[in-house]
Amino acid sequence: MLVPARNEAHQIGRCLESLSSQTYGNIEVILLEDCSEDDTADVAKGLGFYENSWGKCQLMRGQTMLRGWAGKPWACYQLSRQATGDFLLFTDADTVHHETSVESAVVMAVEKQTQLLSVWPHQVTVTWAEKLIILISYLLVLAFVYYWFLRIAQRSHKSFRWVPRAMWRRMGAANGQYMLFTRDAYKALGSHQVVKNNLVEDVALGREVTKRIPKGWRIINVDGHRVVECRMYREFLEVWEGSSKNFRPAFEGRPLEFLGVGVILAVTMFLPFVWFIVRGQPWLVTLQAQLILLIRLVLTVRFHTSWSSLALHPFAMLLSLVIALNSWRQRMTGKITRKRRQYDFSPGQR
């Protein structure tokens, strides 16, 4: 189990304790302390994580980041070189795992013969900003990631060889909060080196696996709200910074697609409520608003998320669109800040 951590002293303890208590045997938990400016390393040492150790609990000191890399891919790459197991589980410092998390994931990966199993944790939200933005992601992922097609295609990949390779890649995604690779697949993929300058490396890695489906590779995304939980952010500024870092880069070199998705979301998920308030209650707009809220209701019940996010959907959508514009602005200026690191991108990378 491989955990990159930078300035995570406030939450790394719960993560490491949960990973150290797994029922799955023969595990190693490796924490990479990524040049933190807080007491992340001291917390880990207090839990029995030692440097220069090859035991169950290991602490690595991250090396200076090489030019051309983003922070998390660089940290994960270093972790992968230290790991010795047949499976490589990359998980975030803000996750907390049920004791059966790893065992159940490995069993499923073996049964399904997957190269990558990505588990989507239960998202813990406390502040209003978290409830608005984090939970809207369920809607966005289900709307724009074609899991239904991938499930069909992976059962008979030879029947779908007519699909262009670029299109395969575009349909993929994974969640970096929990990604379980087989070592052989991770090595064949090219490790995190293939996404070394990508700020949304988890989505990019999922796409790299997906484009190999015609060769017989398998990627599975599963709901893991019963075995893993995650609290990504704790205040508005963290939500703003983290989401701004992700939105535009997730579309990689496709600015027109980014704009198109933004327009679709504005027209279908936000403007009906504006029209409803400003122009009265025409039946078509009323029906559209009701359908949107019905979808949010189903997602709220299915994934056990906050009811306030459902009630405040128009505000969540508006804030998401504003953050998307800020993400676009950051990408155009070529300067993005994340965890007190600034990344400078040349025009060719935008």
Protein backbone atom coordinates (compact mmCIF):
# COMPACT_ATOMS: atom_id res chain seq x y z
CA MET A 1 0.00 0.00 0.00
CA LEU A 2 1.60 3.19 -1.22
CA VAL A 3 0.72 6.55 0.31
CA PRO A 4 2.11 9.87 -0.96
CA ALA A 5 1.78 12.60 1.67
CA ARG A 6 2.60 16.31 1.64
CA ASN A 7 1.53 18.48 4.59
CA GLU A 8 -0.91 15.84 5.87
CA ALA A 9 -0.06 15.81 9.60
CA HIS A 10 -3.68 16.58 10.50
CA GLN A 11 -5.03 13.39 8.93
CA ILE A 12 -2.24 10.97 8.06
CA GLY A 13 -2.56 9.18 11.41
CA ARG A 14 -6.04 7.78 10.75
CA CYS A 15 -5.01 6.68 7.27
CA LEU A 16 -1.91 4.80 8.42
CA GLU A 17 -3.69 3.19 11.36
CA SER A 18 -6.43 1.86 9.09
CA LEU A 19 -3.93 0.51 6.56
CA SER A 20 -1.82 -1.14 9.24
CA SER A 21 -4.90 -2.98 10.55
CA GLN A 22 -5.88 -4.73 7.31
CA THR A 23 -6.97 -8.37 7.40
CA TYR A 24 -5.07 -9.10 4.19
CA GLY A 25 -1.81 -10.84 5.00
CA ASN A 26 1.70 -10.18 3.71
CA ILE A 27 1.33 -6.46 3.17
CA GLU A 28 3.70 -3.52 3.26
CA VAL A 29 2.58 0.03 3.94
CA ILE A 30 4.96 2.61 2.53
CA LEU A 31 4.51 6.31 3.26
CA LEU A 32 6.41 8.82 1.15
CA GLU A 33 6.88 12.07 3.05
CA ASP A 34 6.94 14.52 0.15
CA CYS A 35 8.99 17.45 1.47
CA SER A 36 6.27 18.45 3.93
CA GLU A 37 6.38 21.69 5.88
CA ASP A 38 4.53 20.22 8.88
CA ASP A 39 4.87 17.20 11.20
CA THR A 40 3.72 14.50 8.76
CA ALA A 41 6.90 12.45 9.28
CA ASP A 42 6.74 12.73 13.08
CA VAL A 43 3.15 11.46 13.15
CA ALA A 44 4.18 8.49 11.01
CA LYS A 45 7.14 7.70 13.23
CA GLY A 46 4.86 7.76 16.25
CA LEU A 47 2.85 4.98 14.60
CA GLY A 48 5.88 2.78 13.99
CA PHE A 49 6.91 3.87 10.50
CA TYR A 50 10.68 3.89 10.16
CA GLU A 51 13.13 5.10 7.57
CA ASN A 52 15.47 2.67 5.82
CA SER A 53 13.20 -0.20 6.85
CA TRP A 54 12.00 -3.17 4.79
CA GLY A 55 9.33 -4.20 7.26
CA LYS A 56 5.56 -3.86 7.20
CA CYS A 57 5.59 -0.12 7.94
CA GLN A 58 8.08 1.99 6.01
CA LEU A 59 8.77 5.72 5.81
CA MET A 60 10.43 7.21 2.73
CA ARG A 61 11.77 10.71 2.36
CA GLY A 62 10.83 12.12 -1.02
CA GLN A 63 13.59 13.23 -3.33
CA THR A 64 13.69 16.66 -4.94
CA MET A 65 11.17 16.71 -7.77
CA LEU A 66 12.71 16.39 -11.20
CA ARG A 67 11.97 18.93 -13.90
CA GLY A 68 8.99 18.02 -16.03
CA TRP A 69 7.14 16.17 -13.26
CA ALA A 70 4.08 17.12 -11.21
CA GLY A 71 4.16 16.46 -7.49
CA LYS A 72 1.89 13.46 -7.05
CA PRO A 73 3.07 11.45 -10.08
CA TRP A 74 6.66 11.98 -8.90
CA ALA A 75 5.79 10.79 -5.37
CA CYS A 76 3.91 7.73 -6.66
CA TYR A 77 6.74 6.85 -9.03
CA GLN A 78 9.21 6.83 -6.13
CA LEU A 79 6.86 4.68 -4.08
CA SER A 80 6.48 2.15 -6.89
CA ARG A 81 10.23 1.65 -7.03
CA GLN A 82 10.31 0.83 -3.32
CA ALA A 83 7.37 -1.59 -3.35
CA THR A 84 7.93 -5.34 -3.65
CA GLY A 85 4.43 -6.85 -3.90
CA ASP A 86 2.57 -8.36 -6.86
CA PHE A 87 -0.15 -5.72 -6.37
CA LEU A 88 0.44 -2.00 -6.04
CA LEU A 89 -2.26 -0.06 -4.20
CA PHE A 90 -1.95 3.70 -4.48
CA THR A 91 -4.13 5.48 -1.95
CA ASP A 92 -4.33 9.03 -0.65
CA ALA A 93 -3.38 10.35 2.77
CA ASP A 94 -6.93 11.61 3.36
CA THR A 95 -8.52 8.14 3.12
CA VAL A 96 -9.59 5.87 5.97
CA HIS A 97 -9.99 2.15 5.26
CA HIS A 98 -12.19 -0.56 6.74
CA GLU A 99 -10.09 -3.53 7.82
CA THR A 100 -11.32 -5.61 4.86
CA SER A 101 -10.65 -2.93 2.24
CA VAL A 102 -7.51 -4.44 0.73
CA GLU A 103 -8.61 -8.05 1.01
CA SER A 104 -11.89 -7.43 -0.79
CA ALA A 105 -10.19 -5.36 -3.50
CA VAL A 106 -7.54 -7.99 -4.21
CA VAL A 107 -10.14 -10.77 -4.32
CA MET A 108 -12.19 -8.81 -6.85
CA ALA A 109 -9.14 -7.92 -8.93
CA VAL A 110 -8.13 -11.59 -9.14
CA GLU A 111 -11.66 -12.82 -9.89
CA LYS A 112 -12.24 -10.20 -12.60
CA GLN A 113 -8.65 -10.44 -13.92
CA THR A 114 -8.27 -6.68 -13.93
CA GLN A 115 -5.15 -4.70 -14.65
CA LEU A 116 -6.57 -1.76 -12.68
CA LEU A 117 -9.26 -1.77 -10.02
CA SER A 118 -10.32 1.72 -8.96
CA VAL A 119 -12.44 2.08 -5.84
CA TRP A 120 -14.52 5.22 -5.28
CA PRO A 121 -14.69 5.96 -1.53
CA HIS A 122 -17.52 7.51 0.43
CA GLN A 123 -16.91 11.26 0.34
CA VAL A 124 -17.10 12.85 3.78
CA THR A 125 -18.36 16.43 3.55
CA VAL A 126 -18.77 18.85 6.44
CA THR A 127 -18.61 22.45 5.23
CA TRP A 128 -21.05 23.95 2.74
CA ALA A 129 -18.35 24.23 0.05
CA GLU A 130 -17.58 20.52 0.33
CA LYS A 131 -21.24 19.57 0.10
CA LEU A 132 -21.77 21.74 -2.98
CA ILE A 133 -18.69 20.85 -5.04
CA ILE A 134 -17.51 17.41 -3.93
CA LEU A 135 -20.93 15.81 -4.26
CA ILE A 136 -21.70 17.33 -7.66
CA SER A 137 -18.82 15.18 -8.92
CA TYR A 138 -21.03 12.07 -8.71
CA LEU A 139 -23.30 13.62 -11.30
CA LEU A 140 -20.47 14.79 -13.56
CA VAL A 141 -18.60 11.48 -13.53
CA LEU A 142 -21.68 9.40 -14.28
CA ALA A 143 -22.71 11.79 -17.04
CA PHE A 144 -19.40 12.02 -18.90
CA VAL A 145 -17.53 8.77 -18.19
CA TYR A 146 -18.96 5.88 -20.19
CA TYR A 147 -18.76 3.08 -17.65
CA TRP A 148 -21.77 1.33 -19.15
CA PHE A 149 -20.05 1.04 -22.54
CA LEU A 150 -16.77 -0.14 -21.01
CA ARG A 151 -18.55 -2.89 -19.08
CA ILE A 152 -20.06 -4.18 -22.31
CA ALA A 153 -16.89 -3.80 -24.35
CA GLN A 154 -14.66 -5.61 -21.86
CA ARG A 155 -16.82 -8.72 -22.05
CA SER A 156 -16.08 -9.06 -25.75
CA HIS A 157 -13.26 -6.68 -26.60
CA LYS A 158 -12.64 -8.28 -30.00
CA SER A 159 -16.08 -7.18 -31.15
CA PHE A 160 -15.18 -3.55 -30.54
CA ARG A 161 -11.90 -3.32 -32.45
CA TRP A 162 -13.56 -0.84 -34.80
CA VAL A 163 -13.50 1.79 -32.05
CA PRO A 164 -10.51 4.15 -32.64
CA ARG A 165 -7.76 3.95 -30.03
CA ALA A 166 -8.06 7.66 -29.25
CA MET A 167 -11.76 7.19 -28.48
CA TRP A 168 -11.03 4.30 -26.14
CA ARG A 169 -8.67 6.48 -24.16
CA ARG A 170 -11.17 9.31 -23.94
CA MET A 171 -13.74 7.06 -22.26
CA GLY A 172 -11.51 6.00 -19.38
CA ALA A 173 -11.06 7.30 -15.85
CA ALA A 174 -9.92 6.20 -12.41
CA ASN A 175 -9.89 7.61 -8.90
CA GLY A 176 -6.47 8.26 -7.41
CA GLN A 177 -7.85 7.88 -3.91
CA TYR A 178 -7.72 4.11 -4.45
CA MET A 179 -6.06 2.47 -7.45
CA LEU A 180 -5.03 -1.17 -7.33
CA PHE A 181 -2.69 -2.25 -10.16
CA THR A 182 -1.09 -5.58 -10.81
CA ARG A 183 2.65 -5.02 -10.83
CA ASP A 184 2.98 -6.45 -14.34
CA ALA A 185 0.31 -4.11 -15.70
CA TYR A 186 1.79 -1.08 -13.99
CA LYS A 187 5.20 -1.88 -15.45
CA ALA A 188 3.79 -2.54 -18.94
CA LEU A 189 1.88 0.72 -18.73
CA GLY A 190 5.09 2.62 -18.17
CA SER A 191 4.41 3.47 -14.50
CA HIS A 192 3.63 7.06 -13.53
CA GLN A 193 6.22 8.19 -16.04
CA VAL A 194 3.55 8.13 -18.76
CA VAL A 195 1.58 10.83 -16.90
CA LYS A 196 4.47 12.55 -15.16
CA ASN A 197 3.40 16.14 -15.89
CA ASN A 198 -0.35 15.55 -15.63
CA LEU A 199 -2.07 17.25 -12.69
CA VAL A 200 -4.98 14.78 -12.93
CA GLU A 201 -2.79 11.71 -13.16
CA ASP A 202 -5.43 9.28 -11.89
CA VAL A 203 -7.83 10.04 -14.73
CA ALA A 204 -4.92 9.89 -17.20
CA LEU A 205 -3.77 6.49 -15.91
CA GLY A 206 -7.32 5.18 -16.19
CA ARG A 207 -7.36 6.35 -19.79
CA GLU A 208 -4.03 4.68 -20.52
CA VAL A 209 -5.46 1.36 -19.30
CA THR A 210 -8.73 1.88 -21.16
CA LYS A 211 -7.07 2.37 -24.54
CA ARG A 212 -5.58 -1.12 -24.10
CA ILE A 213 -8.97 -2.80 -23.75
CA PRO A 214 -8.80 -4.02 -27.40
CA LYS A 215 -5.68 -5.94 -26.31
CA GLY A 216 -7.60 -7.69 -23.54
CA TRP A 217 -6.87 -5.33 -20.64
CA ARG A 218 -9.55 -4.73 -18.02
CA ILE A 219 -10.30 -1.72 -15.83
CA ILE A 220 -13.08 -1.72 -13.26
CA ASN A 221 -14.43 1.21 -11.24
CA VAL A 222 -16.45 0.16 -8.20
CA ASP A 223 -18.42 1.84 -5.45
CA GLY A 224 -16.47 1.47 -2.22
CA HIS A 225 -18.49 3.60 0.19
CA ARG A 226 -18.75 0.67 2.62
CA VAL A 227 -15.00 0.04 2.88
CA VAL A 228 -13.24 3.39 2.30
CA GLU A 229 -14.00 6.99 3.17
CA CYS A 230 -12.24 10.17 2.18
CA ARG A 231 -12.41 13.81 3.15
CA MET A 232 -10.67 15.65 0.33
CA TYR A 233 -10.90 19.23 1.57
CA ARG A 234 -11.75 21.03 4.80
CA GLU A 235 -12.45 24.64 3.86
CA PHE A 236 -13.57 26.74 0.92
CA LEU A 237 -10.08 27.76 -0.21
CA GLU A 238 -8.99 24.11 -0.40
CA VAL A 239 -12.09 23.25 -2.43
CA TRP A 240 -11.42 26.20 -4.74
CA GLU A 241 -7.74 25.41 -5.24
CA GLY A 242 -8.11 21.65 -5.60
CA SER A 243 -11.07 21.79 -8.00
CA SER A 244 -9.48 24.55 -10.07
CA LYS A 245 -6.41 22.36 -10.37
CA ASN A 246 -8.49 19.45 -11.69
CA PHE A 247 -11.27 20.75 -13.93
CA ARG A 248 -9.45 22.02 -17.03
CA PRO A 249 -6.45 19.60 -16.94
CA ALA A 250 -8.87 16.64 -16.88
CA PHE A 251 -9.64 17.48 -20.52
CA GLU A 252 -5.91 17.44 -21.37
CA GLY A 253 -5.33 18.99 -24.83
CA ARG A 254 -9.01 19.36 -25.74
CA PRO A 255 -10.09 22.94 -24.97
CA LEU A 256 -13.12 22.81 -27.26
CA GLU A 257 -14.43 19.73 -25.48
CA PHE A 258 -13.96 21.49 -22.15
CA LEU A 259 -15.97 24.47 -23.39
CA GLY A 260 -18.61 22.21 -24.92
CA VAL A 261 -19.14 20.29 -21.69
CA GLY A 262 -19.35 23.59 -19.80
CA VAL A 263 -22.05 24.87 -22.14
CA ILE A 264 -24.01 21.60 -21.91
CA LEU A 265 -23.92 21.69 -18.11
CA ALA A 266 -24.96 25.34 -18.00
CA VAL A 267 -27.88 24.79 -20.37
CA THR A 268 -29.15 21.49 -18.99
CA MET A 269 -28.29 21.60 -15.29
CA PHE A 270 -28.39 25.27 -14.30
CA LEU A 271 -30.39 27.50 -16.65
CA PRO A 272 -33.70 25.61 -16.17
CA PHE A 273 -33.75 26.78 -12.56
CA VAL A 274 -32.95 30.36 -13.58
CA TRP A 275 -35.75 30.26 -16.16
CA PHE A 276 -38.11 28.77 -13.60
CA ILE A 277 -37.47 31.65 -11.18
CA VAL A 278 -37.41 34.49 -13.73
CA ARG A 279 -40.08 33.49 -16.23
CA GLY A 280 -42.55 31.47 -14.22
CA GLN A 281 -43.36 27.79 -14.53
CA PRO A 282 -43.71 26.59 -18.14
CA TRP A 283 -44.32 22.85 -18.13
CA LEU A 284 -41.17 21.92 -20.09
CA VAL A 285 -38.82 23.83 -17.78
CA THR A 286 -40.64 22.50 -14.73
CA LEU A 287 -40.29 18.95 -16.02
CA GLN A 288 -36.58 19.43 -16.73
CA ALA A 289 -35.93 20.81 -13.25
CA GLN A 290 -37.84 17.91 -11.71
CA LEU A 291 -35.82 15.37 -13.71
CA ILE A 292 -32.56 16.97 -12.59
CA LEU A 293 -33.62 16.84 -8.95
CA LEU A 294 -34.79 13.26 -9.40
CA ILE A 295 -31.35 12.28 -10.69
CA ARG A 296 -29.71 14.03 -7.75
CA LEU A 297 -32.13 12.26 -5.40
CA VAL A 298 -31.20 8.85 -6.79
CA LEU A 299 -27.48 9.63 -6.43
CA THR A 300 -27.97 10.95 -2.90
CA VAL A 301 -29.72 7.76 -1.80
CA ARG A 302 -27.41 5.43 -3.73
CA PHE A 303 -24.15 6.91 -2.43
CA HIS A 304 -25.37 8.07 1.00
CA THR A 305 -24.40 11.70 0.45
CA SER A 306 -25.66 14.94 2.00
CA TRP A 307 -29.28 15.95 1.41
CA SER A 308 -28.30 19.62 1.50
CA SER A 309 -26.33 19.17 -1.72
CA LEU A 310 -29.53 17.97 -3.39
CA ALA A 311 -31.53 20.93 -2.07
CA LEU A 312 -28.88 23.43 -3.17
CA HIS A 313 -28.25 21.94 -6.60
CA PRO A 314 -28.54 25.24 -8.58
CA PHE A 315 -25.96 26.89 -6.31
CA ALA A 316 -23.68 23.84 -6.59
CA MET A 317 -23.90 23.99 -10.37
CA LEU A 318 -23.24 27.73 -10.47
CA LEU A 319 -20.20 27.44 -8.21
CA SER A 320 -18.90 24.53 -10.31
CA LEU A 321 -19.12 26.64 -13.47
CA VAL A 322 -17.29 29.53 -11.77
CA ILE A 323 -14.52 27.17 -10.64
CA ALA A 324 -14.32 25.77 -14.19
CA LEU A 325 -13.75 29.29 -15.50
CA ASN A 326 -11.01 29.82 -12.93
CA SER A 327 -9.44 26.52 -13.94
CA TRP A 328 -9.46 27.71 -17.56
CA ARG A 329 -7.87 31.02 -16.51
CA GLN A 330 -5.12 29.23 -14.60
CA ARG A 331 -4.35 26.98 -17.51
CA MET A 332 -4.18 29.92 -19.92
CA THR A 333 -1.77 31.82 -17.68
CA GLY A 334 0.30 28.66 -17.32
CA LYS A 335 0.55 28.91 -13.52
CA ILE A 336 -1.22 26.53 -11.14
CA THR A 337 -0.63 26.29 -7.39
CA ARG A 338 -1.29 23.14 -5.39
CA LYS A 339 -0.10 22.30 -1.84
CA ARG A 340 2.23 25.31 -1.87
CA ARG A 341 3.85 24.23 -5.10
CA GLN A 342 3.58 26.26 -8.27
CA TYR A 343 3.55 24.56 -11.65
CA ASP A 344 4.47 26.49 -14.77
CA PHE A 345 3.14 25.14 -18.05
CA SER A 346 4.32 26.08 -21.51
CA PRO A 347 1.68 26.90 -24.15
CA GLY A 348 2.10 23.43 -25.63
CA GLN A 349 0.97 21.83 -22.37
CA ARG A 350 -2.23 23.82 -22.03
